[in-house]
């Protein structure tokens, strides 16, 4: 199973890359991708996630070929 992973804004700066890819067995969840890509850190509750350019909530299971994007919380003012 192949997953494309993208990081935006502060996430890109903290992790030192804009995108990556990973191969994994079926049953992979969003939190598994985050943990693997962030060096074992727990996924922050405030992290925004999109799968195939659609915002998702919770910790959905991924399918082969999915693109997962991580965004820091959005603030405005």
PDB file of N, CA and C in Angstrom:
ATOM      1  N   UNK A   1       0.857  -1.167   0.000  1.00  0.00           N
ATOM      2  CA  UNK A   1       0.000   0.000   0.000  1.00  0.00           C
ATOM      3  C   UNK A   1       0.900   1.226   0.000  1.00  0.00           C
ATOM      4  N   UNK A   2       0.654   2.143  -0.919  1.00  0.00           N
ATOM      5  CA  UNK A   2       1.463   3.344  -1.060  1.00  0.00           C
ATOM      6  C   UNK A   2       0.632   4.578  -0.717  1.00  0.00           C
ATOM      7  N   UNK A   3       1.172   5.440   0.137  1.00  0.00           N
ATOM      8  CA  UNK A   3       0.495   6.658   0.589  1.00  0.00           C
ATOM      9  C   UNK A   3       1.406   7.845   0.322  1.00  0.00           C
ATOM     10  N   UNK A   4       0.856   8.928  -0.211  1.00  0.00           N
ATOM     11  CA  UNK A   4       1.594  10.174  -0.386  1.00  0.00           C
ATOM     12  C   UNK A   4       1.226  11.073   0.789  1.00  0.00           C
ATOM     13  N   UNK A   5       2.220  11.731   1.382  1.00  0.00           N
ATOM     14  CA  UNK A   5       2.005  12.551   2.565  1.00  0.00           C
ATOM     15  C   UNK A   5       2.530  13.959   2.302  1.00  0.00           C
ATOM     16  N   UNK A   6       1.714  14.966   2.642  1.00  0.00           N
ATOM     17  CA  UNK A   6       2.110  16.362   2.470  1.00  0.00           C
ATOM     18  C   UNK A   6       2.002  17.092   3.804  1.00  0.00           C
ATOM     19  N   UNK A   7       2.915  18.049   4.004  1.00  0.00           N
ATOM     20  CA  UNK A   7       2.933  18.865   5.206  1.00  0.00           C
ATOM     21  C   UNK A   7       2.886  20.331   4.803  1.00  0.00           C
ATOM     22  N   UNK A   8       2.085  21.117   5.502  1.00  0.00           N
ATOM     23  CA  UNK A   8       1.923  22.522   5.162  1.00  0.00           C
ATOM     24  C   UNK A   8       2.260  23.426   6.338  1.00  0.00           C
ATOM     25  N   UNK A   9       2.687  24.648   5.996  1.00  0.00           N
ATOM     26  CA  UNK A   9       2.967  25.721   6.950  1.00  0.00           C
ATOM     27  C   UNK A   9       3.928  25.237   8.038  1.00  0.00           C
ATOM     28  N   UNK A  10       3.576  25.434   9.286  1.00  0.00           N
ATOM     29  CA  UNK A  10       4.449  25.103  10.403  1.00  0.00           C
ATOM     30  C   UNK A  10       4.807  23.614  10.434  1.00  0.00           C
ATOM     31  N   UNK A  11       3.905  22.754   9.989  1.00  0.00           N
ATOM     32  CA  UNK A  11       4.199  21.317   9.985  1.00  0.00           C
ATOM     33  C   UNK A  11       5.386  21.029   9.061  1.00  0.00           C
ATOM     34  N   UNK A  12       5.425  21.696   7.938  1.00  0.00           N
ATOM     35  CA  UNK A  12       6.524  21.522   6.976  1.00  0.00           C
ATOM     36  C   UNK A  12       7.839  21.971   7.614  1.00  0.00           C
ATOM     37  N   UNK A  13       7.805  23.095   8.324  1.00  0.00           N
ATOM     38  CA  UNK A  13       9.015  23.608   8.968  1.00  0.00           C
ATOM     39  C   UNK A  13       9.474  22.691  10.100  1.00  0.00           C
ATOM     40  N   UNK A  14       8.550  22.230  10.918  1.00  0.00           N
ATOM     41  CA  UNK A  14       8.900  21.370  12.051  1.00  0.00           C
ATOM     42  C   UNK A  14       9.474  20.030  11.599  1.00  0.00           C
ATOM     43  N   UNK A  15       8.927  19.463  10.534  1.00  0.00           N
ATOM     44  CA  UNK A  15       9.361  18.139  10.085  1.00  0.00           C
ATOM     45  C   UNK A  15      10.461  18.197   9.028  1.00  0.00           C
ATOM     46  N   UNK A  16      10.736  19.393   8.508  1.00  0.00           N
ATOM     47  CA  UNK A  16      11.842  19.564   7.574  1.00  0.00           C
ATOM     48  C   UNK A  16      11.610  19.042   6.172  1.00  0.00           C
ATOM     49  N   UNK A  17      10.342  18.886   5.790  1.00  0.00           N
ATOM     50  CA  UNK A  17      10.042  18.452   4.418  1.00  0.00           C
ATOM     51  C   UNK A  17       8.602  18.815   4.072  1.00  0.00           C
ATOM     52  N   UNK A  18       8.352  19.000   2.787  1.00  0.00           N
ATOM     53  CA  UNK A  18       7.019  19.368   2.317  1.00  0.00           C
ATOM     54  C   UNK A  18       6.180  18.148   1.981  1.00  0.00           C
ATOM     55  N   UNK A  19       6.840  17.083   1.541  1.00  0.00           N
ATOM     56  CA  UNK A  19       6.089  15.864   1.225  1.00  0.00           C
ATOM     57  C   UNK A  19       6.986  14.648   1.344  1.00  0.00           C
ATOM     58  N   UNK A  20       6.341  13.521   1.401  1.00  0.00           N
ATOM     59  CA  UNK A  20       7.033  12.250   1.550  1.00  0.00           C
ATOM     60  C   UNK A  20       6.097  11.162   1.034  1.00  0.00           C
ATOM     61  N   UNK A  21       6.554   9.955   1.035  1.00  0.00           N
ATOM     62  CA  UNK A  21       5.727   8.813   0.645  1.00  0.00           C
ATOM     63  C   UNK A  21       6.065   7.669   1.571  1.00  0.00           C
ATOM     64  N   UNK A  22       5.110   6.769   1.724  1.00  0.00           N
ATOM     65  CA  UNK A  22       5.398   5.603   2.549  1.00  0.00           C
ATOM     66  C   UNK A  22       4.676   4.380   2.013  1.00  0.00           C
ATOM     67  N   UNK A  23       5.294   3.256   2.205  1.00  0.00           N
ATOM     68  CA  UNK A  23       4.720   1.960   1.852  1.00  0.00           C
ATOM     69  C   UNK A  23       4.306   1.308   3.163  1.00  0.00           C
ATOM     70  N   UNK A  24       3.146   0.717   3.192  1.00  0.00           N
ATOM     71  CA  UNK A  24       2.673   0.114   4.428  1.00  0.00           C
ATOM     72  C   UNK A  24       1.621  -0.936   4.126  1.00  0.00           C
ATOM     73  N   UNK A  25       1.388  -1.793   5.087  1.00  0.00           N
ATOM     74  CA  UNK A  25       0.364  -2.828   4.952  1.00  0.00           C
ATOM     75  C   UNK A  25      -1.023  -2.213   5.091  1.00  0.00           C
ATOM     76  N   UNK A  26      -2.027  -2.928   4.674  1.00  0.00           N
ATOM     77  CA  UNK A  26      -3.418  -2.475   4.811  1.00  0.00           C
ATOM     78  C   UNK A  26      -3.743  -2.230   6.281  1.00  0.00           C
ATOM     79  N   UNK A  27      -4.745  -1.404   6.532  1.00  0.00           N
ATOM     80  CA  UNK A  27      -5.160  -1.103   7.895  1.00  0.00           C
ATOM     81  C   UNK A  27      -4.505   0.141   8.455  1.00  0.00           C
ATOM     82  N   UNK A  28      -3.742   0.851   7.642  1.00  0.00           N
ATOM     83  CA  UNK A  28      -3.047   2.059   8.059  1.00  0.00           C
ATOM     84  C   UNK A  28      -4.054   3.170   8.339  1.00  0.00           C
ATOM     85  N   UNK A  29      -3.886   3.855   9.456  1.00  0.00           N
ATOM     86  CA  UNK A  29      -4.755   4.977   9.815  1.00  0.00           C
ATOM     87  C   UNK A  29      -3.963   6.271   9.759  1.00  0.00           C
ATOM     88  N   UNK A  30      -4.685   7.387   9.753  1.00  0.00           N
ATOM     89  CA  UNK A  30      -4.056   8.708   9.701  1.00  0.00           C
ATOM     90  C   UNK A  30      -3.047   8.877  10.839  1.00  0.00           C
ATOM     91  N   UNK A  31      -3.413   8.480  12.049  1.00  0.00           N
ATOM     92  CA  UNK A  31      -2.508   8.637  13.192  1.00  0.00           C
ATOM     93  C   UNK A  31      -1.233   7.809  13.019  1.00  0.00           C
ATOM     94  N   UNK A  32      -1.330   6.667  12.337  1.00  0.00           N
ATOM     95  CA  UNK A  32      -0.146   5.845  12.067  1.00  0.00           C
ATOM     96  C   UNK A  32       0.817   6.580  11.140  1.00  0.00           C
ATOM     97  N   UNK A  33       0.259   7.242  10.130  1.00  0.00           N
ATOM     98  CA  UNK A  33       1.085   8.008   9.189  1.00  0.00           C
ATOM     99  C   UNK A  33       1.780   9.137   9.934  1.00  0.00           C
ATOM    100  N   UNK A  34       1.031   9.888  10.741  1.00  0.00           N
ATOM    101  CA  UNK A  34       1.613  10.999  11.494  1.00  0.00           C
ATOM    102  C   UNK A  34       2.751  10.489  12.385  1.00  0.00           C
ATOM    103  N   UNK A  35       2.496   9.428  13.134  1.00  0.00           N
ATOM    104  CA  UNK A  35       3.499   8.898  14.065  1.00  0.00           C
ATOM    105  C   UNK A  35       4.769   8.504  13.310  1.00  0.00           C
ATOM    106  N   UNK A  36       4.600   7.832  12.183  1.00  0.00           N
ATOM    107  CA  UNK A  36       5.757   7.397  11.384  1.00  0.00           C
ATOM    108  C   UNK A  36       6.532   8.589  10.825  1.00  0.00           C
ATOM    109  N   UNK A  37       5.831   9.563  10.296  1.00  0.00           N
ATOM    110  CA  UNK A  37       6.470  10.708   9.648  1.00  0.00           C
ATOM    111  C   UNK A  37       7.054  11.720  10.642  1.00  0.00           C
ATOM    112  N   UNK A  38       6.545  11.722  11.873  1.00  0.00           N
ATOM    113  CA  UNK A  38       6.996  12.709  12.861  1.00  0.00           C
ATOM    114  C   UNK A  38       7.994  12.132  13.859  1.00  0.00           C
ATOM    115  N   UNK A  39       8.473  10.938  13.606  1.00  0.00           N
ATOM    116  CA  UNK A  39       9.454  10.350  14.499  1.00  0.00           C
ATOM    117  C   UNK A  39       8.867   9.828  15.799  1.00  0.00           C
ATOM    118  N   UNK A  40       7.618   9.391  15.749  1.00  0.00           N
ATOM    119  CA  UNK A  40       7.003   8.768  16.906  1.00  0.00           C
ATOM    120  C   UNK A  40       6.140   9.672  17.769  1.00  0.00           C
ATOM    121  N   UNK A  41       5.996  10.928  17.381  1.00  0.00           N
ATOM    122  CA  UNK A  41       5.168  11.846  18.184  1.00  0.00           C
ATOM    123  C   UNK A  41       3.696  11.502  18.043  1.00  0.00           C
ATOM    124  N   UNK A  42       2.949  11.755  19.105  1.00  0.00           N
ATOM    125  CA  UNK A  42       1.499  11.594  19.054  1.00  0.00           C
ATOM    126  C   UNK A  42       0.910  12.710  18.198  1.00  0.00           C
ATOM    127  N   UNK A  43      -0.171  12.421  17.500  1.00  0.00           N
ATOM    128  CA  UNK A  43      -0.818  13.406  16.639  1.00  0.00           C
ATOM    129  C   UNK A  43      -1.558  14.428  17.506  1.00  0.00           C
ATOM    130  N   UNK A  44      -1.252  15.731  17.367  1.00  0.00           N
ATOM    131  CA  UNK A  44      -1.935  16.758  18.145  1.00  0.00           C
ATOM    132  C   UNK A  44      -3.433  16.789  17.828  1.00  0.00           C
ATOM    133  N   UNK A  45      -4.256  17.027  18.847  1.00  0.00           N
ATOM    134  CA  UNK A  45      -5.704  17.092  18.655  1.00  0.00           C
ATOM    135  C   UNK A  45      -6.100  18.209  17.702  1.00  0.00           C
ATOM    136  N   UNK A  46      -5.322  19.293  17.691  1.00  0.00           N
ATOM    137  CA  UNK A  46      -5.672  20.456  16.881  1.00  0.00           C
ATOM    138  C   UNK A  46      -5.203  20.355  15.428  1.00  0.00           C
ATOM    139  N   UNK A  47      -4.489  19.295  15.085  1.00  0.00           N
ATOM    140  CA  UNK A  47      -3.970  19.124  13.727  1.00  0.00           C
ATOM    141  C   UNK A  47      -5.119  18.934  12.741  1.00  0.00           C
ATOM    142  N   UNK A  48      -5.066  19.622  11.622  1.00  0.00           N
ATOM    143  CA  UNK A  48      -6.075  19.472  10.571  1.00  0.00           C
ATOM    144  C   UNK A  48      -5.545  18.478   9.543  1.00  0.00           C
ATOM    145  N   UNK A  49      -6.443  17.621   9.069  1.00  0.00           N
ATOM    146  CA  UNK A  49      -6.041  16.559   8.149  1.00  0.00           C
ATOM    147  C   UNK A  49      -6.983  16.529   6.949  1.00  0.00           C
ATOM    148  N   UNK A  50      -6.411  16.323   5.774  1.00  0.00           N
ATOM    149  CA  UNK A  50      -7.205  16.125   4.558  1.00  0.00           C
ATOM    150  C   UNK A  50      -6.734  14.831   3.898  1.00  0.00           C
ATOM    151  N   UNK A  51      -7.689  14.084   3.381  1.00  0.00           N
ATOM    152  CA  UNK A  51      -7.387  12.897   2.583  1.00  0.00           C
ATOM    153  C   UNK A  51      -7.937  13.151   1.196  1.00  0.00           C
ATOM    154  N   UNK A  52      -7.062  13.074   0.213  1.00  0.00           N
ATOM    155  CA  UNK A  52      -7.439  13.337  -1.181  1.00  0.00           C
ATOM    156  C   UNK A  52      -8.159  14.675  -1.315  1.00  0.00           C
ATOM    157  N   UNK A  53      -7.610  15.694  -0.649  1.00  0.00           N
ATOM    158  CA  UNK A  53      -8.068  17.087  -0.693  1.00  0.00           C
ATOM    159  C   UNK A  53      -9.431  17.321  -0.051  1.00  0.00           C
ATOM    160  N   UNK A  54      -9.863  16.414   0.833  1.00  0.00           N
ATOM    161  CA  UNK A  54     -11.112  16.606   1.569  1.00  0.00           C
ATOM    162  C   UNK A  54     -10.820  16.515   3.060  1.00  0.00           C
ATOM    163  N   UNK A  55     -11.230  17.553   3.796  1.00  0.00           N
ATOM    164  CA  UNK A  55     -11.017  17.594   5.236  1.00  0.00           C
ATOM    165  C   UNK A  55     -11.685  16.392   5.899  1.00  0.00           C
ATOM    166  N   UNK A  56     -10.987  15.772   6.843  1.00  0.00           N
ATOM    167  CA  UNK A  56     -11.542  14.626   7.570  1.00  0.00           C
ATOM    168  C   UNK A  56     -11.404  14.855   9.069  1.00  0.00           C
ATOM    169  N   UNK A  57     -12.245  14.188   9.808  1.00  0.00           N
ATOM    170  CA  UNK A  57     -12.177  14.218  11.265  1.00  0.00           C
ATOM    171  C   UNK A  57     -11.923  12.804  11.754  1.00  0.00           C
ATOM    172  N   UNK A  58     -11.412  12.710  12.959  1.00  0.00           N
ATOM    173  CA  UNK A  58     -11.167  11.398  13.531  1.00  0.00           C
ATOM    174  C   UNK A  58      -9.882  10.787  13.010  1.00  0.00           C
ATOM    175  N   UNK A  59      -9.864   9.483  12.929  1.00  0.00           N
ATOM    176  CA  UNK A  59      -8.676   8.736  12.545  1.00  0.00           C
ATOM    177  C   UNK A  59      -9.038   7.663  11.516  1.00  0.00           C
ATOM    178  N   UNK A  60      -9.443   8.103  10.311  1.00  0.00           N
ATOM    179  CA  UNK A  60      -9.904   7.132   9.320  1.00  0.00           C
ATOM    180  C   UNK A  60      -8.785   6.233   8.792  1.00  0.00           C
ATOM    181  N   UNK A  61      -9.198   5.080   8.321  1.00  0.00           N
ATOM    182  CA  UNK A  61      -8.286   4.141   7.682  1.00  0.00           C
ATOM    183  C   UNK A  61      -8.040   4.604   6.248  1.00  0.00           C
ATOM    184  N   UNK A  62      -6.829   4.409   5.774  1.00  0.00           N
ATOM    185  CA  UNK A  62      -6.444   4.851   4.438  1.00  0.00           C
ATOM    186  C   UNK A  62      -6.491   3.713   3.440  1.00  0.00           C
ATOM    187  N   UNK A  63      -6.592   4.106   2.167  1.00  0.00           N
ATOM    188  CA  UNK A  63      -6.590   3.138   1.074  1.00  0.00           C
ATOM    189  C   UNK A  63      -5.335   3.355   0.225  1.00  0.00           C
ATOM    190  N   UNK A  64      -4.974   2.354  -0.512  1.00  0.00           N
ATOM    191  CA  UNK A  64      -3.823   2.452  -1.402  1.00  0.00           C
ATOM    192  C   UNK A  64      -3.994   3.642  -2.339  1.00  0.00           C
ATOM    193  N   UNK A  65      -2.947   4.443  -2.472  1.00  0.00           N
ATOM    194  CA  UNK A  65      -2.959   5.583  -3.377  1.00  0.00           C
ATOM    195  C   UNK A  65      -3.478   6.871  -2.763  1.00  0.00           C
ATOM    196  N   UNK A  66      -3.948   6.835  -1.515  1.00  0.00           N
ATOM    197  CA  UNK A  66      -4.456   8.054  -0.875  1.00  0.00           C
ATOM    198  C   UNK A  66      -3.339   9.075  -0.692  1.00  0.00           C
ATOM    199  N   UNK A  67      -3.747  10.342  -0.673  1.00  0.00           N
ATOM    200  CA  UNK A  67      -2.854  11.441  -0.339  1.00  0.00           C
ATOM    201  C   UNK A  67      -3.346  12.035   0.976  1.00  0.00           C
ATOM    202  N   UNK A  68      -2.463  12.087   1.963  1.00  0.00           N
ATOM    203  CA  UNK A  68      -2.794  12.631   3.277  1.00  0.00           C
ATOM    204  C   UNK A  68      -2.042  13.946   3.445  1.00  0.00           C
ATOM    205  N   UNK A  69      -2.755  14.989   3.865  1.00  0.00           N
ATOM    206  CA  UNK A  69      -2.132  16.291   4.093  1.00  0.00           C
ATOM    207  C   UNK A  69      -2.374  16.725   5.524  1.00  0.00           C
ATOM    208  N   UNK A  70      -1.324  17.234   6.165  1.00  0.00           N
ATOM    209  CA  UNK A  70      -1.392  17.714   7.542  1.00  0.00           C
ATOM    210  C   UNK A  70      -1.198  19.223   7.562  1.00  0.00           C
ATOM    211  N   UNK A  71      -2.083  19.915   8.283  1.00  0.00           N
ATOM    212  CA  UNK A  71      -2.058  21.375   8.402  1.00  0.00           C
ATOM    213  C   UNK A  71      -2.091  21.756   9.869  1.00  0.00           C
ATOM    214  N   UNK A  72      -1.374  22.833  10.255  1.00  0.00           N
ATOM    215  CA  UNK A  72      -1.515  23.317  11.625  1.00  0.00           C
ATOM    216  C   UNK A  72      -2.892  23.977  11.774  1.00  0.00           C
ATOM    217  N   UNK A  73      -3.326  24.191  13.010  1.00  0.00           N
ATOM    218  CA  UNK A  73      -4.610  24.871  13.199  1.00  0.00           C
ATOM    219  C   UNK A  73      -4.597  26.246  12.532  1.00  0.00           C
ATOM    220  N   UNK A  74      -5.717  26.661  12.018  1.00  0.00           N
ATOM    221  CA  UNK A  74      -5.848  27.948  11.341  1.00  0.00           C
ATOM    222  C   UNK A  74      -6.303  28.977  12.356  1.00  0.00           C
ATOM    223  N   UNK A  75      -5.624  30.112  12.376  1.00  0.00           N
ATOM    224  CA  UNK A  75      -6.042  31.206  13.244  1.00  0.00           C
ATOM    225  C   UNK A  75      -6.269  32.433  12.383  1.00  0.00           C
ATOM    226  N   UNK A  76      -7.040  33.313  12.874  1.00  0.00           N
ATOM    227  CA  UNK A  76      -7.307  34.542  12.108  1.00  0.00           C
ATOM    228  C   UNK A  76      -7.527  35.693  13.078  1.00  0.00           C
ATOM    229  N   UNK A  77      -7.714  36.800  12.493  1.00  0.00           N
ATOM    230  CA  UNK A  77      -7.943  37.927  13.379  1.00  0.00           C
ATOM    231  C   UNK A  77      -7.904  39.222  12.635  1.00  0.00           C
TER     232      UNK A  77
END
